[in-house]
Amino acid sequence: MEEKELILSLIEGTSDIIHSVAPDGRFEFVNKAWLQTLGYGDEEWESMNLKDIIFPGQLKKHSEILGQILAGQRISDIEVTFVTKDGSIIYAEGNMFPRRVDNVIVAATGFYRNISSRKESEESLKVQRERTEFFVDLMVHDISNINQEIISTLEILLLDKTIPEQLKEFVEEALSEAERSSSLVENVRKISSLYSLTPKVEGYDLRTTIGKASRKVEKSFPDRELLLKTN
C-alpha cells in the first residue's frame, strides 16, 4: 500500500471528526466520521461552509482560531460545538494546524473527538451535585436553628439560681451535647462545601499509559517475561 493510500485509509477509518477548511471557510475535505456524525451525504459537504456546522454563539471565536491557524499557528485542546444537519448538538475537542503546499499555507486542518457523552455526564453530575448541596444546606440550616433554640433555652435555665443542683447537672449535660451537635453540623457544612468544587475531567491515551506501566514492570523484573493480553 502506498503512503498516500495508507494515510487516507487511516483518516477514513478513524472515529475522529476530520476536516480541512480553506481561508474562505469552504471545506476542502471531510472524512467519513465527519459525514456520519454531522448527518450529511457525500455530495452535500462540497457546497458547505464552516459556519454551517459551528454553533452560532461560537462562530466568532472559531473564526479567530481559524485566522490564527492560517497565520501559521498550531492550536491544541480546542473545544467546539458542532450543529448537525437535523439541528442536534455535538460537543467536540481537538487540534488544528495549517496545511501547506510548497511551503504556502492553503488551509486549516482539524482533528476532533466527539465528547458529547462526556459533556452529558459532566452536566448530569453537576445537576446531581447541586441537588445534593441544596438538600444538605436545607438540612444543615434547619438543624442549626433547632440546636440554637435548644442551646438558648438551656442557657436561660442555667441563669435561674433556684434550679436544683441535680437538675442543673442534667441541663449542663444537655447543653454540652447540643453544642457538640452544633459543632457536628458545622463540620457537615464544611465538608459539603468541598463537593461544590467541579472535578476536572481529562482524557488519556490508554495505549500510552499501558506502555509506560509495562516498561516500568519490565525494568523492575528484568529476568521475567511480560505478556499483556487485551480484548
C-alpha atoms as a PDB file:
ATOM      1  CA  MET A   1       0.000   0.000   0.000  1.00  0.00           C
ATOM      2  CA  GLU A   2       1.359   3.405  -0.999  1.00  0.00           C
ATOM      3  CA  GLU A   3       1.906   6.039   1.685  1.00  0.00           C
ATOM      4  CA  LYS A   4      -0.933   8.241   0.376  1.00  0.00           C
ATOM      5  CA  GLU A   5      -3.361   5.309   0.383  1.00  0.00           C
ATOM      6  CA  LEU A   6      -2.272   4.333   3.890  1.00  0.00           C
ATOM      7  CA  ILE A   7      -2.844   7.852   5.231  1.00  0.00           C
ATOM      8  CA  LEU A   8      -6.265   8.046   3.548  1.00  0.00           C
ATOM      9  CA  SER A   9      -7.174   4.644   4.977  1.00  0.00           C
ATOM     10  CA  LEU A  10      -6.283   5.796   8.484  1.00  0.00           C
ATOM     11  CA  ILE A  11      -8.238   9.044   8.083  1.00  0.00           C
ATOM     12  CA  GLU A  12     -11.331   7.266   6.807  1.00  0.00           C
ATOM     13  CA  GLY A  13     -11.073   4.508   9.396  1.00  0.00           C
ATOM     14  CA  THR A  14     -10.837   6.722  12.468  1.00  0.00           C
ATOM     15  CA  SER A  15     -13.812   7.761  14.587  1.00  0.00           C
ATOM     16  CA  ASP A  16     -12.327  11.266  14.879  1.00  0.00           C
ATOM     17  CA  ILE A  17     -14.073  14.091  13.035  1.00  0.00           C
ATOM     18  CA  ILE A  18     -11.629  15.456  10.450  1.00  0.00           C
ATOM     19  CA  HIS A  19     -11.970  18.347   8.016  1.00  0.00           C
ATOM     20  CA  SER A  20      -9.779  20.718   6.070  1.00  0.00           C
ATOM     21  CA  VAL A  21     -11.002  24.306   5.688  1.00  0.00           C
ATOM     22  CA  ALA A  22      -9.953  26.851   3.053  1.00  0.00           C
ATOM     23  CA  PRO A  23      -9.332  30.507   4.038  1.00  0.00           C
ATOM     24  CA  ASP A  24     -12.854  31.479   2.898  1.00  0.00           C
ATOM     25  CA  GLY A  25     -14.393  28.813   5.150  1.00  0.00           C
ATOM     26  CA  ARG A  26     -15.199  26.284   2.427  1.00  0.00           C
ATOM     27  CA  PHE A  27     -14.443  22.638   3.133  1.00  0.00           C
ATOM     28  CA  GLU A  28     -11.614  21.086   1.142  1.00  0.00           C
ATOM     29  CA  PHE A  29     -12.018  17.676   2.687  1.00  0.00           C
ATOM     30  CA  VAL A  30     -14.110  15.845   5.272  1.00  0.00           C
ATOM     31  CA  ASN A  31     -13.765  12.239   6.396  1.00  0.00           C
ATOM     32  CA  LYS A  32     -16.371   9.519   6.794  1.00  0.00           C
ATOM     33  CA  ALA A  33     -16.728  10.105  10.552  1.00  0.00           C
ATOM     34  CA  TRP A  34     -17.471  13.791   9.805  1.00  0.00           C
ATOM     35  CA  LEU A  35     -20.301  12.826   7.458  1.00  0.00           C
ATOM     36  CA  GLN A  36     -21.729  10.210   9.808  1.00  0.00           C
ATOM     37  CA  THR A  37     -21.520  12.392  12.918  1.00  0.00           C
ATOM     38  CA  LEU A  38     -22.963  15.538  11.339  1.00  0.00           C
ATOM     39  CA  GLY A  39     -25.500  13.683   9.208  1.00  0.00           C
ATOM     40  CA  TYR A  40     -24.548  14.880   5.721  1.00  0.00           C
ATOM     41  CA  GLY A  41     -24.257  12.952   2.470  1.00  0.00           C
ATOM     42  CA  ASP A  42     -21.244  12.569   0.192  1.00  0.00           C
ATOM     43  CA  GLU A  43     -22.448  15.266  -2.205  1.00  0.00           C
ATOM     44  CA  GLU A  44     -23.577  17.851   0.352  1.00  0.00           C
ATOM     45  CA  TRP A  45     -20.369  18.860   2.093  1.00  0.00           C
ATOM     46  CA  GLU A  46     -18.676  20.277  -1.025  1.00  0.00           C
ATOM     47  CA  SER A  47     -21.055  23.258  -1.122  1.00  0.00           C
ATOM     48  CA  MET A  48     -20.918  23.859   2.628  1.00  0.00           C
ATOM     49  CA  ASN A  49     -19.054  26.426   4.699  1.00  0.00           C
ATOM     50  CA  LEU A  50     -17.562  26.168   8.183  1.00  0.00           C
ATOM     51  CA  LYS A  51     -20.266  28.497   9.511  1.00  0.00           C
ATOM     52  CA  ASP A  52     -22.870  25.873   8.536  1.00  0.00           C
ATOM     53  CA  ILE A  53     -21.718  23.488  11.267  1.00  0.00           C
ATOM     54  CA  ILE A  54     -20.450  25.774  14.046  1.00  0.00           C
ATOM     55  CA  PHE A  55     -22.844  26.726  16.841  1.00  0.00           C
ATOM     56  CA  PRO A  56     -23.731  30.414  16.223  1.00  0.00           C
ATOM     57  CA  GLY A  57     -22.540  31.531  19.647  1.00  0.00           C
ATOM     58  CA  GLN A  58     -19.059  30.140  18.934  1.00  0.00           C
ATOM     59  CA  LEU A  59     -18.696  31.268  15.333  1.00  0.00           C
ATOM     60  CA  LYS A  60     -16.768  34.475  16.112  1.00  0.00           C
ATOM     61  CA  LYS A  61     -14.318  32.708  18.432  1.00  0.00           C
ATOM     62  CA  HIS A  62     -13.789  29.833  15.997  1.00  0.00           C
ATOM     63  CA  SER A  63     -13.234  32.270  13.118  1.00  0.00           C
ATOM     64  CA  GLU A  64     -10.485  33.902  15.180  1.00  0.00           C
ATOM     65  CA  ILE A  65      -8.904  30.486  15.781  1.00  0.00           C
ATOM     66  CA  LEU A  66      -9.096  29.760  12.051  1.00  0.00           C
ATOM     67  CA  GLY A  67      -7.266  33.025  11.387  1.00  0.00           C
ATOM     68  CA  GLN A  68      -4.507  32.038  13.817  1.00  0.00           C
ATOM     69  CA  ILE A  69      -4.095  28.676  12.098  1.00  0.00           C
ATOM     70  CA  LEU A  70      -3.889  30.279   8.660  1.00  0.00           C
ATOM     71  CA  ALA A  71      -1.224  32.586  10.115  1.00  0.00           C
ATOM     72  CA  GLY A  72       0.909  29.543  10.907  1.00  0.00           C
ATOM     73  CA  GLN A  73      -0.023  28.576  14.464  1.00  0.00           C
ATOM     74  CA  ARG A  74      -0.942  25.139  15.782  1.00  0.00           C
ATOM     75  CA  ILE A  75      -3.604  25.113  18.489  1.00  0.00           C
ATOM     76  CA  SER A  76      -4.433  22.167  20.758  1.00  0.00           C
ATOM     77  CA  ASP A  77      -7.340  21.345  23.067  1.00  0.00           C
ATOM     78  CA  ILE A  78      -9.879  23.383  21.126  1.00  0.00           C
ATOM     79  CA  GLU A  79     -13.438  22.933  22.358  1.00  0.00           C
ATOM     80  CA  VAL A  80     -16.107  23.492  19.734  1.00  0.00           C
ATOM     81  CA  THR A  81     -19.826  22.848  19.431  1.00  0.00           C
ATOM     82  CA  PHE A  82     -20.969  21.469  16.087  1.00  0.00           C
ATOM     83  CA  VAL A  83     -24.549  21.579  14.822  1.00  0.00           C
ATOM     84  CA  THR A  84     -25.677  18.533  12.838  1.00  0.00           C
ATOM     85  CA  LYS A  85     -27.938  18.575   9.791  1.00  0.00           C
ATOM     86  CA  ASP A  86     -31.011  17.889  11.952  1.00  0.00           C
ATOM     87  CA  GLY A  87     -30.060  20.592  14.466  1.00  0.00           C
ATOM     88  CA  SER A  88     -28.593  18.336  17.152  1.00  0.00           C
ATOM     89  CA  ILE A  89     -25.608  19.496  19.170  1.00  0.00           C
ATOM     90  CA  ILE A  90     -22.245  17.713  19.087  1.00  0.00           C
ATOM     91  CA  TYR A  91     -19.575  18.690  21.609  1.00  0.00           C
ATOM     92  CA  ALA A  92     -16.065  18.120  20.309  1.00  0.00           C
ATOM     93  CA  GLU A  93     -12.481  18.678  21.352  1.00  0.00           C
ATOM     94  CA  GLY A  94      -9.396  18.595  19.196  1.00  0.00           C
ATOM     95  CA  ASN A  95      -6.451  20.211  17.467  1.00  0.00           C
ATOM     96  CA  MET A  96      -5.991  22.420  14.408  1.00  0.00           C
ATOM     97  CA  PHE A  97      -2.899  23.037  12.326  1.00  0.00           C
ATOM     98  CA  PRO A  98      -2.065  24.649   8.964  1.00  0.00           C
ATOM     99  CA  ARG A  99      -1.874  22.642   5.738  1.00  0.00           C
ATOM    100  CA  ARG A 100       0.927  23.760   3.452  1.00  0.00           C
ATOM    101  CA  VAL A 101       1.595  23.298  -0.256  1.00  0.00           C
ATOM    102  CA  ASP A 102       5.086  24.301  -1.436  1.00  0.00           C
ATOM    103  CA  ASN A 103       5.594  25.930   1.965  1.00  0.00           C
ATOM    104  CA  VAL A 104       2.500  28.103   1.499  1.00  0.00           C
ATOM    105  CA  ILE A 105      -0.430  27.774   3.920  1.00  0.00           C
ATOM    106  CA  VAL A 106      -3.526  26.879   1.902  1.00  0.00           C
ATOM    107  CA  ALA A 107      -5.922  25.530   4.538  1.00  0.00           C
ATOM    108  CA  ALA A 108      -6.543  24.707   8.191  1.00  0.00           C
ATOM    109  CA  THR A 109      -6.938  21.064   9.177  1.00  0.00           C
ATOM    110  CA  GLY A 110      -8.828  19.995  12.280  1.00  0.00           C
ATOM    111  CA  PHE A 111      -8.967  16.670  14.118  1.00  0.00           C
ATOM    112  CA  TYR A 112     -11.769  16.435  16.703  1.00  0.00           C
ATOM    113  CA  ARG A 113     -13.058  13.844  19.161  1.00  0.00           C
ATOM    114  CA  ASN A 114     -16.772  13.626  19.889  1.00  0.00           C
ATOM    115  CA  ILE A 115     -17.039  14.326  23.637  1.00  0.00           C
ATOM    116  CA  SER A 116     -20.830  14.667  23.796  1.00  0.00           C
ATOM    117  CA  SER A 117     -21.175  11.692  26.158  1.00  0.00           C
ATOM    118  CA  ARG A 118     -18.565  13.186  28.474  1.00  0.00           C
ATOM    119  CA  LYS A 119     -20.305  16.558  28.445  1.00  0.00           C
ATOM    120  CA  GLU A 120     -23.645  14.919  29.227  1.00  0.00           C
ATOM    121  CA  SER A 121     -22.065  13.022  32.132  1.00  0.00           C
ATOM    122  CA  GLU A 122     -20.494  16.224  33.457  1.00  0.00           C
ATOM    123  CA  GLU A 123     -23.824  18.054  33.214  1.00  0.00           C
ATOM    124  CA  SER A 124     -25.665  15.192  34.922  1.00  0.00           C
ATOM    125  CA  LEU A 125     -23.059  15.151  37.686  1.00  0.00           C
ATOM    126  CA  LYS A 126     -23.405  18.913  38.081  1.00  0.00           C
ATOM    127  CA  VAL A 127     -27.199  18.684  38.415  1.00  0.00           C
ATOM    128  CA  GLN A 128     -26.961  15.869  40.971  1.00  0.00           C
ATOM    129  CA  ARG A 129     -24.332  17.773  42.937  1.00  0.00           C
ATOM    130  CA  GLU A 130     -26.424  20.939  43.002  1.00  0.00           C
ATOM    131  CA  ARG A 131     -29.471  18.972  44.140  1.00  0.00           C
ATOM    132  CA  THR A 132     -27.488  17.272  46.894  1.00  0.00           C
ATOM    133  CA  GLU A 133     -25.996  20.577  48.024  1.00  0.00           C
ATOM    134  CA  PHE A 134     -29.467  22.118  48.182  1.00  0.00           C
ATOM    135  CA  PHE A 135     -30.845  19.403  50.459  1.00  0.00           C
ATOM    136  CA  VAL A 136     -27.707  19.369  52.619  1.00  0.00           C
ATOM    137  CA  ASP A 137     -27.866  23.148  53.026  1.00  0.00           C
ATOM    138  CA  LEU A 138     -31.560  22.929  53.866  1.00  0.00           C
ATOM    139  CA  MET A 139     -30.964  20.198  56.441  1.00  0.00           C
ATOM    140  CA  VAL A 140     -27.973  21.985  57.984  1.00  0.00           C
ATOM    141  CA  HIS A 141     -29.930  25.235  58.202  1.00  0.00           C
ATOM    142  CA  ASP A 142     -32.929  23.629  59.910  1.00  0.00           C
ATOM    143  CA  ILE A 143     -30.871  21.542  62.339  1.00  0.00           C
ATOM    144  CA  SER A 144     -28.719  24.567  63.202  1.00  0.00           C
ATOM    145  CA  ASN A 145     -31.827  26.577  64.038  1.00  0.00           C
ATOM    146  CA  ILE A 146     -33.212  23.759  66.189  1.00  0.00           C
ATOM    147  CA  ASN A 147     -29.905  23.384  68.023  1.00  0.00           C
ATOM    148  CA  GLN A 148     -29.694  27.119  68.613  1.00  0.00           C
ATOM    149  CA  GLU A 149     -33.194  27.148  70.117  1.00  0.00           C
ATOM    150  CA  ILE A 150     -32.262  24.258  72.421  1.00  0.00           C
ATOM    151  CA  ILE A 151     -28.978  25.894  73.450  1.00  0.00           C
ATOM    152  CA  SER A 152     -30.682  29.228  74.148  1.00  0.00           C
ATOM    153  CA  THR A 153     -33.374  27.551  76.247  1.00  0.00           C
ATOM    154  CA  LEU A 154     -30.848  25.573  78.283  1.00  0.00           C
ATOM    155  CA  GLU A 155     -28.679  28.653  78.842  1.00  0.00           C
ATOM    156  CA  ILE A 156     -31.719  30.539  80.128  1.00  0.00           C
ATOM    157  CA  LEU A 157     -32.486  27.674  82.517  1.00  0.00           C
ATOM    158  CA  LEU A 158     -28.965  27.852  83.906  1.00  0.00           C
ATOM    159  CA  LEU A 159     -29.482  31.533  84.730  1.00  0.00           C
ATOM    160  CA  ASP A 160     -32.096  30.510  87.300  1.00  0.00           C
ATOM    161  CA  LYS A 161     -30.261  30.479  90.660  1.00  0.00           C
ATOM    162  CA  THR A 162     -33.032  28.437  92.277  1.00  0.00           C
ATOM    163  CA  ILE A 163     -32.571  25.440  89.995  1.00  0.00           C
ATOM    164  CA  PRO A 164     -31.762  22.258  91.989  1.00  0.00           C
ATOM    165  CA  GLU A 165     -28.160  21.085  91.705  1.00  0.00           C
ATOM    166  CA  GLN A 166     -29.101  17.694  90.287  1.00  0.00           C
ATOM    167  CA  LEU A 167     -31.306  19.292  87.616  1.00  0.00           C
ATOM    168  CA  LYS A 168     -28.548  21.795  86.880  1.00  0.00           C
ATOM    169  CA  GLU A 169     -26.169  18.921  86.102  1.00  0.00           C
ATOM    170  CA  PHE A 170     -28.708  17.437  83.684  1.00  0.00           C
ATOM    171  CA  VAL A 171     -29.146  20.804  81.963  1.00  0.00           C
ATOM    172  CA  GLU A 172     -25.380  21.319  81.659  1.00  0.00           C
ATOM    173  CA  GLU A 173     -25.001  17.838  80.173  1.00  0.00           C
ATOM    174  CA  ALA A 174     -27.808  18.532  77.692  1.00  0.00           C
ATOM    175  CA  LEU A 175     -26.211  21.877  76.807  1.00  0.00           C
ATOM    176  CA  SER A 176     -22.872  20.193  76.180  1.00  0.00           C
ATOM    177  CA  GLU A 177     -24.487  17.646  73.843  1.00  0.00           C
ATOM    178  CA  ALA A 178     -26.413  20.368  71.991  1.00  0.00           C
ATOM    179  CA  GLU A 179     -23.196  22.339  71.461  1.00  0.00           C
ATOM    180  CA  ARG A 180     -21.487  19.168  70.234  1.00  0.00           C
ATOM    181  CA  SER A 181     -24.348  18.636  67.805  1.00  0.00           C
ATOM    182  CA  SER A 182     -23.937  22.206  66.518  1.00  0.00           C
ATOM    183  CA  SER A 183     -20.225  21.595  66.005  1.00  0.00           C
ATOM    184  CA  LEU A 184     -21.000  18.397  64.085  1.00  0.00           C
ATOM    185  CA  VAL A 185     -23.483  20.216  61.845  1.00  0.00           C
ATOM    186  CA  GLU A 186     -20.888  22.903  61.125  1.00  0.00           C
ATOM    187  CA  ASN A 187     -18.400  20.208  60.105  1.00  0.00           C
ATOM    188  CA  VAL A 188     -21.002  18.761  57.739  1.00  0.00           C
ATOM    189  CA  ARG A 189     -21.413  22.221  56.218  1.00  0.00           C
ATOM    190  CA  LYS A 190     -17.646  22.478  55.650  1.00  0.00           C
ATOM    191  CA  ILE A 191     -17.458  19.022  54.097  1.00  0.00           C
ATOM    192  CA  SER A 192     -20.406  19.714  51.793  1.00  0.00           C
ATOM    193  CA  SER A 193     -18.650  22.850  50.532  1.00  0.00           C
ATOM    194  CA  LEU A 194     -15.866  20.631  49.172  1.00  0.00           C
ATOM    195  CA  TYR A 195     -18.349  18.977  46.809  1.00  0.00           C
ATOM    196  CA  SER A 196     -19.076  22.328  45.185  1.00  0.00           C
ATOM    197  CA  LEU A 197     -15.673  22.084  43.517  1.00  0.00           C
ATOM    198  CA  THR A 198     -16.056  20.820  39.955  1.00  0.00           C
ATOM    199  CA  PRO A 199     -13.716  17.898  39.214  1.00  0.00           C
ATOM    200  CA  LYS A 200     -11.576  18.279  36.125  1.00  0.00           C
ATOM    201  CA  VAL A 201     -12.076  15.520  33.601  1.00  0.00           C
ATOM    202  CA  GLU A 202      -9.107  14.725  31.419  1.00  0.00           C
ATOM    203  CA  GLY A 203      -8.676  12.310  28.569  1.00  0.00           C
ATOM    204  CA  TYR A 204      -5.763   9.900  28.480  1.00  0.00           C
ATOM    205  CA  ASP A 205      -4.297   7.723  25.765  1.00  0.00           C
ATOM    206  CA  LEU A 206      -4.755   4.253  27.264  1.00  0.00           C
ATOM    207  CA  ARG A 207      -2.171   2.723  24.949  1.00  0.00           C
ATOM    208  CA  THR A 208       0.498   5.195  26.078  1.00  0.00           C
ATOM    209  CA  THR A 209      -0.397   4.700  29.748  1.00  0.00           C
ATOM    210  CA  ILE A 210      -0.233   0.899  29.493  1.00  0.00           C
ATOM    211  CA  GLY A 211       3.043   1.160  27.576  1.00  0.00           C
ATOM    212  CA  LYS A 212       4.652   3.265  30.303  1.00  0.00           C
ATOM    213  CA  ALA A 213       3.413   0.886  33.001  1.00  0.00           C
ATOM    214  CA  SER A 214       4.716  -2.183  31.163  1.00  0.00           C
ATOM    215  CA  ARG A 215       8.156  -0.621  30.701  1.00  0.00           C
ATOM    216  CA  LYS A 216       8.354   0.081  34.427  1.00  0.00           C
ATOM    217  CA  VAL A 217       7.410  -3.523  35.210  1.00  0.00           C
ATOM    218  CA  GLU A 218       9.997  -4.858  32.747  1.00  0.00           C
ATOM    219  CA  LYS A 219      12.646  -2.635  34.329  1.00  0.00           C
ATOM    220  CA  SER A 220      11.725  -3.827  37.826  1.00  0.00           C
ATOM    221  CA  PHE A 221      11.722  -7.513  36.812  1.00  0.00           C
ATOM    222  CA  PRO A 222      14.373  -7.856  34.058  1.00  0.00           C
ATOM    223  CA  ASP A 223      14.523 -11.649  34.463  1.00  0.00           C
ATOM    224  CA  ARG A 224      10.795 -12.103  33.846  1.00  0.00           C
ATOM    225  CA  GLU A 225       8.931 -12.126  30.547  1.00  0.00           C
ATOM    226  CA  LEU A 226       5.943  -9.776  30.433  1.00  0.00           C
ATOM    227  CA  LEU A 227       2.905 -10.835  28.409  1.00  0.00           C
ATOM    228  CA  LEU A 228      -0.020  -8.431  28.045  1.00  0.00           C
ATOM    229  CA  LYS A 229      -3.340  -9.546  26.576  1.00  0.00           C
ATOM    230  CA  THR A 230      -6.205  -7.253  25.579  1.00  0.00           C
ATOM    231  CA  ASN A 231      -9.634  -7.932  24.163  1.00  0.00           C
END
